């Protein structure tokens, strides 16, 4: 039998053709994930403004905030500077009022203490300054928080800002229930919360992933309507949520061009779960309306 000799040129052409065909195959191209700017910049534009009150002795000592908070006893005789020296008039009092889930979300002030969710009837912050310097108090101040149906089980929680979020501590001091709502007393300026601890150290978690979005700069919140609890989700995994709790998930992001994106979902938490989600384009008006409706 004769051997069939294939010219080298033909063999080379065949090999190159095979290699070329392999190179011409279309490899799947992965779409880049959507990345976002720091959502804090947007949320800061939506926050309730801190209210400033000049105390110079020319009017009543009672201060009333835009949302009804009253500071009914705070004068210069109770205030000291950083060296513990008493101060004289005038000075400033600064007040923040957070009574809705929208305002708590925009301020990123979750109502969670030591991993346990709190039922809340509002958060306020009271500061005092003189010549731009923070003051402290050496005697109790009295404040009122408006509420048409106050709960006698509420106690005063105080908050310390650790730079990332506020740690809430239960003072175990009850409020006085008055016709206006809650009357409280504190010897510490700063964050104050009307709360009942309802978390028990057990429950389920929700984790968040996305095939379309990078979640690093996305604001993720969980709202519990039954207790007016606001949770903020850090590192894409929530804290403990009691079994059987109905929650509302709110996520928001903003891109480098200022376009808003959001994701919302209502669900009942009966077990720990991973939620694979995708943000969609929205508007400031639509997102604001959604938060107003929580």
C-alpha atoms as a PDB file:
ATOM      1  CA  UNK A   1       0.000   0.000   0.000  1.00  0.00           C
ATOM      2  CA  UNK A   2       1.307   3.364  -0.911  1.00  0.00           C
ATOM      3  CA  UNK A   3       1.782   5.887   1.852  1.00  0.00           C
ATOM      4  CA  UNK A   4      -0.084   9.120   1.253  1.00  0.00           C
ATOM      5  CA  UNK A   5       2.298  12.003   1.654  1.00  0.00           C
ATOM      6  CA  UNK A   6       0.712  15.316   2.621  1.00  0.00           C
ATOM      7  CA  UNK A   7       2.732  18.323   1.599  1.00  0.00           C
ATOM      8  CA  UNK A   8       4.007  20.325   4.570  1.00  0.00           C
ATOM      9  CA  UNK A   9       2.364  23.491   3.226  1.00  0.00           C
ATOM     10  CA  UNK A  10      -1.073  21.872   3.268  1.00  0.00           C
ATOM     11  CA  UNK A  11      -0.523  20.451   6.763  1.00  0.00           C
ATOM     12  CA  UNK A  12       0.630  23.834   8.032  1.00  0.00           C
ATOM     13  CA  UNK A  13      -2.428  25.529   6.520  1.00  0.00           C
ATOM     14  CA  UNK A  14      -4.743  23.000   8.204  1.00  0.00           C
ATOM     15  CA  UNK A  15      -3.151  23.524  11.618  1.00  0.00           C
ATOM     16  CA  UNK A  16      -3.311  27.301  11.307  1.00  0.00           C
ATOM     17  CA  UNK A  17      -6.933  27.074  10.210  1.00  0.00           C
ATOM     18  CA  UNK A  18      -7.839  25.018  13.295  1.00  0.00           C
ATOM     19  CA  UNK A  19      -6.021  27.464  15.583  1.00  0.00           C
ATOM     20  CA  UNK A  20      -7.719  30.405  13.886  1.00  0.00           C
ATOM     21  CA  UNK A  21     -11.142  28.807  14.333  1.00  0.00           C
ATOM     22  CA  UNK A  22     -10.476  28.352  18.036  1.00  0.00           C
ATOM     23  CA  UNK A  23      -9.532  32.007  18.368  1.00  0.00           C
ATOM     24  CA  UNK A  24     -12.665  33.057  16.480  1.00  0.00           C
ATOM     25  CA  UNK A  25     -14.984  31.419  19.026  1.00  0.00           C
ATOM     26  CA  UNK A  26     -16.979  34.055  20.919  1.00  0.00           C
ATOM     27  CA  UNK A  27     -16.269  33.855  24.614  1.00  0.00           C
ATOM     28  CA  UNK A  28     -19.064  35.041  26.933  1.00  0.00           C
ATOM     29  CA  UNK A  29     -18.436  38.587  28.191  1.00  0.00           C
ATOM     30  CA  UNK A  30     -19.453  39.323  31.761  1.00  0.00           C
ATOM     31  CA  UNK A  31     -21.259  42.605  32.190  1.00  0.00           C
ATOM     32  CA  UNK A  32     -19.573  44.842  34.798  1.00  0.00           C
ATOM     33  CA  UNK A  33     -21.503  45.256  38.038  1.00  0.00           C
ATOM     34  CA  UNK A  34     -23.095  48.617  38.708  1.00  0.00           C
ATOM     35  CA  UNK A  35     -21.010  50.628  41.150  1.00  0.00           C
ATOM     36  CA  UNK A  36     -22.281  53.562  43.196  1.00  0.00           C
ATOM     37  CA  UNK A  37     -21.102  56.693  44.941  1.00  0.00           C
ATOM     38  CA  UNK A  38     -21.278  57.120  48.723  1.00  0.00           C
ATOM     39  CA  UNK A  39     -24.999  57.212  49.554  1.00  0.00           C
ATOM     40  CA  UNK A  40     -24.265  59.207  52.726  1.00  0.00           C
ATOM     41  CA  UNK A  41     -23.908  62.372  50.664  1.00  0.00           C
ATOM     42  CA  UNK A  42     -27.474  61.993  49.351  1.00  0.00           C
ATOM     43  CA  UNK A  43     -28.929  61.041  52.732  1.00  0.00           C
ATOM     44  CA  UNK A  44     -27.292  64.033  54.397  1.00  0.00           C
ATOM     45  CA  UNK A  45     -29.272  66.330  52.080  1.00  0.00           C
ATOM     46  CA  UNK A  46     -32.516  64.693  53.281  1.00  0.00           C
ATOM     47  CA  UNK A  47     -31.878  64.750  57.031  1.00  0.00           C
ATOM     48  CA  UNK A  48     -33.950  66.731  59.472  1.00  0.00           C
ATOM     49  CA  UNK A  49     -31.927  69.862  60.167  1.00  0.00           C
ATOM     50  CA  UNK A  50     -30.539  70.484  63.614  1.00  0.00           C
ATOM     51  CA  UNK A  51     -32.400  73.434  65.143  1.00  0.00           C
ATOM     52  CA  UNK A  52     -30.446  76.159  66.938  1.00  0.00           C
ATOM     53  CA  UNK A  53     -31.855  78.247  69.800  1.00  0.00           C
ATOM     54  CA  UNK A  54     -30.077  81.267  71.284  1.00  0.00           C
ATOM     55  CA  UNK A  55     -30.587  81.462  75.035  1.00  0.00           C
ATOM     56  CA  UNK A  56     -29.872  85.009  76.194  1.00  0.00           C
ATOM     57  CA  UNK A  57     -32.434  85.534  78.953  1.00  0.00           C
ATOM     58  CA  UNK A  58     -34.713  87.644  76.775  1.00  0.00           C
ATOM     59  CA  UNK A  59     -37.499  85.050  76.533  1.00  0.00           C
ATOM     60  CA  UNK A  60     -38.976  82.012  78.250  1.00  0.00           C
ATOM     61  CA  UNK A  61     -36.618  79.183  79.152  1.00  0.00           C
ATOM     62  CA  UNK A  62     -38.881  76.651  77.391  1.00  0.00           C
ATOM     63  CA  UNK A  63     -37.688  75.563  73.949  1.00  0.00           C
ATOM     64  CA  UNK A  64     -40.146  74.019  71.461  1.00  0.00           C
ATOM     65  CA  UNK A  65     -38.870  72.152  68.415  1.00  0.00           C
ATOM     66  CA  UNK A  66     -40.469  72.020  64.985  1.00  0.00           C
ATOM     67  CA  UNK A  67     -41.997  68.609  65.728  1.00  0.00           C
ATOM     68  CA  UNK A  68     -43.161  69.438  69.241  1.00  0.00           C
ATOM     69  CA  UNK A  69     -40.276  68.412  71.484  1.00  0.00           C
ATOM     70  CA  UNK A  70     -40.072  70.732  74.496  1.00  0.00           C
ATOM     71  CA  UNK A  71     -37.044  71.397  76.664  1.00  0.00           C
ATOM     72  CA  UNK A  72     -38.608  72.855  79.766  1.00  0.00           C
ATOM     73  CA  UNK A  73     -35.635  73.297  82.074  1.00  0.00           C
ATOM     74  CA  UNK A  74     -32.115  74.051  80.913  1.00  0.00           C
ATOM     75  CA  UNK A  75     -30.355  77.210  82.022  1.00  0.00           C
ATOM     76  CA  UNK A  76     -26.801  78.450  82.360  1.00  0.00           C
ATOM     77  CA  UNK A  77     -26.589  77.468  86.040  1.00  0.00           C
ATOM     78  CA  UNK A  78     -26.741  73.804  84.964  1.00  0.00           C
ATOM     79  CA  UNK A  79     -24.117  74.044  82.237  1.00  0.00           C
ATOM     80  CA  UNK A  80     -20.333  73.775  82.448  1.00  0.00           C
ATOM     81  CA  UNK A  81     -17.530  73.935  79.897  1.00  0.00           C
ATOM     82  CA  UNK A  82     -14.883  71.304  79.173  1.00  0.00           C
ATOM     83  CA  UNK A  83     -12.928  72.404  82.266  1.00  0.00           C
ATOM     84  CA  UNK A  84     -16.061  72.002  84.408  1.00  0.00           C
ATOM     85  CA  UNK A  85     -16.350  75.760  84.852  1.00  0.00           C
ATOM     86  CA  UNK A  86     -19.809  77.316  84.994  1.00  0.00           C
ATOM     87  CA  UNK A  87     -20.859  79.457  82.070  1.00  0.00           C
ATOM     88  CA  UNK A  88     -22.876  82.632  81.742  1.00  0.00           C
ATOM     89  CA  UNK A  89     -25.444  83.795  79.209  1.00  0.00           C
ATOM     90  CA  UNK A  90     -25.699  83.666  76.274  1.00  0.00           C
ATOM     91  CA  UNK A  91     -25.393  80.110  74.978  1.00  0.00           C
ATOM     92  CA  UNK A  92     -26.968  77.953  72.271  1.00  0.00           C
ATOM     93  CA  UNK A  93     -29.152  74.861  72.510  1.00  0.00           C
ATOM     94  CA  UNK A  94     -29.261  72.542  69.489  1.00  0.00           C
ATOM     95  CA  UNK A  95     -32.088  70.058  68.895  1.00  0.00           C
ATOM     96  CA  UNK A  96     -32.620  67.174  66.470  1.00  0.00           C
ATOM     97  CA  UNK A  97     -36.046  65.459  66.341  1.00  0.00           C
ATOM     98  CA  UNK A  98     -36.611  62.051  64.732  1.00  0.00           C
ATOM     99  CA  UNK A  99     -40.173  60.780  65.071  1.00  0.00           C
ATOM    100  CA  UNK A 100     -40.728  58.972  61.759  1.00  0.00           C
ATOM    101  CA  UNK A 101     -38.976  55.976  60.185  1.00  0.00           C
ATOM    102  CA  UNK A 102     -38.039  58.175  57.230  1.00  0.00           C
ATOM    103  CA  UNK A 103     -36.174  60.613  59.460  1.00  0.00           C
ATOM    104  CA  UNK A 104     -34.466  57.814  61.404  1.00  0.00           C
ATOM    105  CA  UNK A 105     -33.359  56.237  58.119  1.00  0.00           C
ATOM    106  CA  UNK A 106     -32.006  59.481  56.666  1.00  0.00           C
ATOM    107  CA  UNK A 107     -30.107  60.153  59.916  1.00  0.00           C
ATOM    108  CA  UNK A 108     -28.994  56.473  59.964  1.00  0.00           C
ATOM    109  CA  UNK A 109     -30.179  56.166  63.565  1.00  0.00           C
ATOM    110  CA  UNK A 110     -31.356  52.542  63.968  1.00  0.00           C
ATOM    111  CA  UNK A 111     -33.312  51.585  67.074  1.00  0.00           C
ATOM    112  CA  UNK A 112     -31.236  48.572  68.090  1.00  0.00           C
ATOM    113  CA  UNK A 113     -29.383  48.092  71.387  1.00  0.00           C
ATOM    114  CA  UNK A 114     -26.702  45.420  71.861  1.00  0.00           C
ATOM    115  CA  UNK A 115     -28.123  43.505  68.897  1.00  0.00           C
ATOM    116  CA  UNK A 116     -31.698  43.593  70.222  1.00  0.00           C
ATOM    117  CA  UNK A 117     -34.407  45.519  68.420  1.00  0.00           C
ATOM    118  CA  UNK A 118     -36.258  48.280  70.234  1.00  0.00           C
ATOM    119  CA  UNK A 119     -39.811  49.474  69.961  1.00  0.00           C
ATOM    120  CA  UNK A 120     -39.544  53.236  69.723  1.00  0.00           C
ATOM    121  CA  UNK A 121     -41.676  56.338  70.026  1.00  0.00           C
ATOM    122  CA  UNK A 122     -38.994  58.742  68.873  1.00  0.00           C
ATOM    123  CA  UNK A 123     -35.401  59.872  69.113  1.00  0.00           C
ATOM    124  CA  UNK A 124     -34.053  63.323  69.939  1.00  0.00           C
ATOM    125  CA  UNK A 125     -30.633  64.866  70.391  1.00  0.00           C
ATOM    126  CA  UNK A 126     -29.992  67.810  72.703  1.00  0.00           C
ATOM    127  CA  UNK A 127     -26.692  69.706  72.654  1.00  0.00           C
ATOM    128  CA  UNK A 128     -25.550  72.995  74.179  1.00  0.00           C
ATOM    129  CA  UNK A 129     -22.625  75.145  73.071  1.00  0.00           C
ATOM    130  CA  UNK A 130     -20.973  78.444  73.932  1.00  0.00           C
ATOM    131  CA  UNK A 131     -18.484  80.091  71.591  1.00  0.00           C
ATOM    132  CA  UNK A 132     -18.581  76.927  69.496  1.00  0.00           C
ATOM    133  CA  UNK A 133     -17.500  74.698  72.387  1.00  0.00           C
ATOM    134  CA  UNK A 134     -19.590  71.750  73.594  1.00  0.00           C
ATOM    135  CA  UNK A 135     -21.092  72.079  77.064  1.00  0.00           C
ATOM    136  CA  UNK A 136     -22.219  69.457  79.554  1.00  0.00           C
ATOM    137  CA  UNK A 137     -24.797  69.614  82.310  1.00  0.00           C
ATOM    138  CA  UNK A 138     -24.317  69.170  86.049  1.00  0.00           C
ATOM    139  CA  UNK A 139     -27.997  68.940  86.940  1.00  0.00           C
ATOM    140  CA  UNK A 140     -30.995  67.190  85.370  1.00  0.00           C
ATOM    141  CA  UNK A 141     -32.887  68.748  82.495  1.00  0.00           C
ATOM    142  CA  UNK A 142     -36.552  68.022  81.777  1.00  0.00           C
ATOM    143  CA  UNK A 143     -37.903  67.408  78.282  1.00  0.00           C
ATOM    144  CA  UNK A 144     -41.251  66.487  76.743  1.00  0.00           C
ATOM    145  CA  UNK A 145     -41.775  64.288  73.697  1.00  0.00           C
ATOM    146  CA  UNK A 146     -45.190  64.612  72.020  1.00  0.00           C
ATOM    147  CA  UNK A 147     -47.347  61.502  71.734  1.00  0.00           C
ATOM    148  CA  UNK A 148     -51.120  61.090  71.604  1.00  0.00           C
ATOM    149  CA  UNK A 149     -51.019  57.557  73.058  1.00  0.00           C
ATOM    150  CA  UNK A 150     -47.897  57.220  75.233  1.00  0.00           C
ATOM    151  CA  UNK A 151     -46.885  53.795  76.529  1.00  0.00           C
ATOM    152  CA  UNK A 152     -46.087  53.582  80.252  1.00  0.00           C
ATOM    153  CA  UNK A 153     -43.603  50.755  79.555  1.00  0.00           C
ATOM    154  CA  UNK A 154     -41.242  53.069  77.668  1.00  0.00           C
ATOM    155  CA  UNK A 155     -37.950  53.919  79.356  1.00  0.00           C
ATOM    156  CA  UNK A 156     -35.220  56.416  78.550  1.00  0.00           C
ATOM    157  CA  UNK A 157     -32.379  55.080  76.405  1.00  0.00           C
ATOM    158  CA  UNK A 158     -29.307  57.246  75.935  1.00  0.00           C
ATOM    159  CA  UNK A 159     -27.024  57.013  72.926  1.00  0.00           C
ATOM    160  CA  UNK A 160     -23.261  57.332  72.539  1.00  0.00           C
ATOM    161  CA  UNK A 161     -21.946  57.974  69.037  1.00  0.00           C
ATOM    162  CA  UNK A 162     -19.009  55.630  68.423  1.00  0.00           C
ATOM    163  CA  UNK A 163     -18.220  57.131  65.028  1.00  0.00           C
ATOM    164  CA  UNK A 164     -20.044  54.502  62.971  1.00  0.00           C
ATOM    165  CA  UNK A 165     -23.411  54.263  64.727  1.00  0.00           C
ATOM    166  CA  UNK A 166     -25.013  55.106  68.064  1.00  0.00           C
ATOM    167  CA  UNK A 167     -24.843  52.586  70.899  1.00  0.00           C
ATOM    168  CA  UNK A 168     -28.069  52.711  72.914  1.00  0.00           C
ATOM    169  CA  UNK A 169     -28.072  52.080  76.661  1.00  0.00           C
ATOM    170  CA  UNK A 170     -31.191  51.539  78.745  1.00  0.00           C
ATOM    171  CA  UNK A 171     -31.105  53.851  81.742  1.00  0.00           C
ATOM    172  CA  UNK A 172     -34.155  51.986  83.124  1.00  0.00           C
ATOM    173  CA  UNK A 173     -35.554  55.413  84.026  1.00  0.00           C
ATOM    174  CA  UNK A 174     -39.267  55.481  83.173  1.00  0.00           C
ATOM    175  CA  UNK A 175     -41.032  58.398  81.564  1.00  0.00           C
ATOM    176  CA  UNK A 176     -43.807  60.272  83.292  1.00  0.00           C
ATOM    177  CA  UNK A 177     -46.959  59.979  81.212  1.00  0.00           C
ATOM    178  CA  UNK A 178     -48.535  63.416  80.818  1.00  0.00           C
ATOM    179  CA  UNK A 179     -51.265  64.831  78.608  1.00  0.00           C
ATOM    180  CA  UNK A 180     -48.602  66.062  76.177  1.00  0.00           C
ATOM    181  CA  UNK A 181     -47.042  62.590  75.849  1.00  0.00           C
ATOM    182  CA  UNK A 182     -43.764  61.707  77.569  1.00  0.00           C
ATOM    183  CA  UNK A 183     -41.980  63.713  80.222  1.00  0.00           C
ATOM    184  CA  UNK A 184     -38.391  62.671  80.803  1.00  0.00           C
ATOM    185  CA  UNK A 185     -35.394  63.785  82.800  1.00  0.00           C
ATOM    186  CA  UNK A 186     -31.705  63.299  82.043  1.00  0.00           C
ATOM    187  CA  UNK A 187     -28.378  64.525  83.367  1.00  0.00           C
ATOM    188  CA  UNK A 188     -26.620  63.815  80.055  1.00  0.00           C
ATOM    189  CA  UNK A 189     -26.817  65.828  76.871  1.00  0.00           C
ATOM    190  CA  UNK A 190     -26.809  63.889  73.620  1.00  0.00           C
ATOM    191  CA  UNK A 191     -29.077  61.292  72.018  1.00  0.00           C
ATOM    192  CA  UNK A 192     -32.239  60.210  73.856  1.00  0.00           C
ATOM    193  CA  UNK A 193     -34.663  57.497  72.751  1.00  0.00           C
ATOM    194  CA  UNK A 194     -38.098  56.466  74.072  1.00  0.00           C
ATOM    195  CA  UNK A 195     -37.954  52.664  73.882  1.00  0.00           C
ATOM    196  CA  UNK A 196     -38.932  49.194  74.980  1.00  0.00           C
ATOM    197  CA  UNK A 197     -36.530  46.337  74.254  1.00  0.00           C
ATOM    198  CA  UNK A 198     -38.463  43.671  72.350  1.00  0.00           C
ATOM    199  CA  UNK A 199     -35.579  41.619  70.956  1.00  0.00           C
ATOM    200  CA  UNK A 200     -34.587  38.575  72.998  1.00  0.00           C
ATOM    201  CA  UNK A 201     -31.174  37.687  71.586  1.00  0.00           C
ATOM    202  CA  UNK A 202     -32.611  35.118  69.182  1.00  0.00           C
ATOM    203  CA  UNK A 203     -34.057  35.255  65.715  1.00  0.00           C
ATOM    204  CA  UNK A 204     -33.207  35.163  62.031  1.00  0.00           C
ATOM    205  CA  UNK A 205     -30.979  37.189  59.737  1.00  0.00           C
ATOM    206  CA  UNK A 206     -31.378  38.478  56.202  1.00  0.00           C
ATOM    207  CA  UNK A 207     -28.340  38.606  53.906  1.00  0.00           C
ATOM    208  CA  UNK A 208     -28.155  40.504  50.624  1.00  0.00           C
ATOM    209  CA  UNK A 209     -26.320  39.692  47.406  1.00  0.00           C
ATOM    210  CA  UNK A 210     -26.626  40.936  43.833  1.00  0.00           C
ATOM    211  CA  UNK A 211     -25.645  39.727  40.386  1.00  0.00           C
ATOM    212  CA  UNK A 212     -25.950  43.278  39.031  1.00  0.00           C
ATOM    213  CA  UNK A 213     -24.844  45.683  41.752  1.00  0.00           C
ATOM    214  CA  UNK A 214     -21.889  46.275  44.048  1.00  0.00           C
ATOM    215  CA  UNK A 215     -23.501  46.785  47.456  1.00  0.00           C
ATOM    216  CA  UNK A 216     -20.586  48.431  49.269  1.00  0.00           C
ATOM    217  CA  UNK A 217     -21.995  51.984  49.085  1.00  0.00           C
ATOM    218  CA  UNK A 218     -25.680  51.034  49.151  1.00  0.00           C
ATOM    219  CA  UNK A 219     -27.818  52.037  52.126  1.00  0.00           C
ATOM    220  CA  UNK A 220     -29.720  48.975  53.383  1.00  0.00           C
ATOM    221  CA  UNK A 221     -32.475  49.308  55.983  1.00  0.00           C
ATOM    222  CA  UNK A 222     -35.147  47.062  57.465  1.00  0.00           C
ATOM    223  CA  UNK A 223     -38.262  48.611  58.986  1.00  0.00           C
ATOM    224  CA  UNK A 224     -40.596  46.750  61.361  1.00  0.00           C
ATOM    225  CA  UNK A 225     -43.971  48.553  61.306  1.00  0.00           C
ATOM    226  CA  UNK A 226     -45.423  46.828  64.377  1.00  0.00           C
ATOM    227  CA  UNK A 227     -42.762  48.345  66.650  1.00  0.00           C
ATOM    228  CA  UNK A 228     -41.577  51.296  64.515  1.00  0.00           C
ATOM    229  CA  UNK A 229     -38.130  49.690  64.601  1.00  0.00           C
ATOM    230  CA  UNK A 230     -35.438  50.805  62.168  1.00  0.00           C
ATOM    231  CA  UNK A 231     -32.544  48.428  61.516  1.00  0.00           C
ATOM    232  CA  UNK A 232     -29.534  49.321  59.410  1.00  0.00           C
ATOM    233  CA  UNK A 233     -27.749  46.478  57.628  1.00  0.00           C
ATOM    234  CA  UNK A 234     -23.954  46.515  57.767  1.00  0.00           C
ATOM    235  CA  UNK A 235     -21.739  44.262  55.635  1.00  0.00           C
ATOM    236  CA  UNK A 236     -24.824  42.965  53.767  1.00  0.00           C
ATOM    237  CA  UNK A 237     -26.154  40.919  56.736  1.00  0.00           C
ATOM    238  CA  UNK A 238     -28.825  42.072  59.181  1.00  0.00           C
ATOM    239  CA  UNK A 239     -28.992  41.704  62.919  1.00  0.00           C
ATOM    240  CA  UNK A 240     -31.408  39.304  64.584  1.00  0.00           C
ATOM    241  CA  UNK A 241     -35.059  39.615  63.609  1.00  0.00           C
ATOM    242  CA  UNK A 242     -37.615  37.788  65.773  1.00  0.00           C
ATOM    243  CA  UNK A 243     -39.301  34.850  64.050  1.00  0.00           C
ATOM    244  CA  UNK A 244     -42.592  35.708  62.374  1.00  0.00           C
ATOM    245  CA  UNK A 245     -41.837  39.427  62.069  1.00  0.00           C
ATOM    246  CA  UNK A 246     -43.227  41.334  59.093  1.00  0.00           C
ATOM    247  CA  UNK A 247     -40.605  43.682  57.695  1.00  0.00           C
ATOM    248  CA  UNK A 248     -40.130  46.237  54.950  1.00  0.00           C
ATOM    249  CA  UNK A 249     -36.764  46.292  53.175  1.00  0.00           C
ATOM    250  CA  UNK A 250     -35.508  49.579  51.773  1.00  0.00           C
ATOM    251  CA  UNK A 251     -32.292  49.925  49.792  1.00  0.00           C
ATOM    252  CA  UNK A 252     -31.030  53.115  48.180  1.00  0.00           C
ATOM    253  CA  UNK A 253     -28.021  54.117  46.111  1.00  0.00           C
ATOM    254  CA  UNK A 254     -26.810  56.979  43.960  1.00  0.00           C
ATOM    255  CA  UNK A 255     -24.432  56.845  41.025  1.00  0.00           C
ATOM    256  CA  UNK A 256     -21.687  59.273  40.103  1.00  0.00           C
ATOM    257  CA  UNK A 257     -24.088  61.257  37.930  1.00  0.00           C
ATOM    258  CA  UNK A 258     -26.576  61.804  40.758  1.00  0.00           C
ATOM    259  CA  UNK A 259     -29.133  59.233  39.533  1.00  0.00           C
ATOM    260  CA  UNK A 260     -30.992  57.447  42.343  1.00  0.00           C
ATOM    261  CA  UNK A 261     -31.617  53.697  42.520  1.00  0.00           C
ATOM    262  CA  UNK A 262     -33.664  51.678  44.977  1.00  0.00           C
ATOM    263  CA  UNK A 263     -34.974  48.252  45.921  1.00  0.00           C
ATOM    264  CA  UNK A 264     -37.958  47.610  48.195  1.00  0.00           C
ATOM    265  CA  UNK A 265     -39.627  44.431  49.409  1.00  0.00           C
ATOM    266  CA  UNK A 266     -42.132  43.389  52.057  1.00  0.00           C
ATOM    267  CA  UNK A 267     -41.776  39.968  53.642  1.00  0.00           C
ATOM    268  CA  UNK A 268     -42.393  37.957  56.796  1.00  0.00           C
ATOM    269  CA  UNK A 269     -39.205  36.599  58.339  1.00  0.00           C
ATOM    270  CA  UNK A 270     -39.735  32.968  59.338  1.00  0.00           C
ATOM    271  CA  UNK A 271     -36.167  31.791  58.767  1.00  0.00           C
ATOM    272  CA  UNK A 272     -32.775  33.177  57.870  1.00  0.00           C
ATOM    273  CA  UNK A 273     -32.545  33.892  54.154  1.00  0.00           C
ATOM    274  CA  UNK A 274     -30.351  35.279  51.408  1.00  0.00           C
ATOM    275  CA  UNK A 275     -31.998  37.845  49.136  1.00  0.00           C
ATOM    276  CA  UNK A 276     -30.445  38.198  45.692  1.00  0.00           C
ATOM    277  CA  UNK A 277     -31.653  41.586  44.526  1.00  0.00           C
ATOM    278  CA  UNK A 278     -31.203  44.166  41.801  1.00  0.00           C
ATOM    279  CA  UNK A 279     -31.509  47.930  42.159  1.00  0.00           C
ATOM    280  CA  UNK A 280     -33.697  49.854  39.730  1.00  0.00           C
ATOM    281  CA  UNK A 281     -33.687  53.504  38.752  1.00  0.00           C
ATOM    282  CA  UNK A 282     -35.942  55.807  40.768  1.00  0.00           C
ATOM    283  CA  UNK A 283     -36.472  59.477  41.596  1.00  0.00           C
ATOM    284  CA  UNK A 284     -36.107  61.527  44.750  1.00  0.00           C
ATOM    285  CA  UNK A 285     -39.866  62.144  44.799  1.00  0.00           C
ATOM    286  CA  UNK A 286     -40.693  58.440  44.460  1.00  0.00           C
ATOM    287  CA  UNK A 287     -38.215  57.371  47.125  1.00  0.00           C
ATOM    288  CA  UNK A 288     -39.374  60.092  49.507  1.00  0.00           C
ATOM    289  CA  UNK A 289     -43.015  59.071  49.000  1.00  0.00           C
ATOM    290  CA  UNK A 290     -42.143  55.443  49.715  1.00  0.00           C
ATOM    291  CA  UNK A 291     -40.411  56.365  52.976  1.00  0.00           C
ATOM    292  CA  UNK A 292     -43.321  58.615  53.973  1.00  0.00           C
ATOM    293  CA  UNK A 293     -45.628  55.618  53.522  1.00  0.00           C
ATOM    294  CA  UNK A 294     -43.749  53.214  55.773  1.00  0.00           C
END
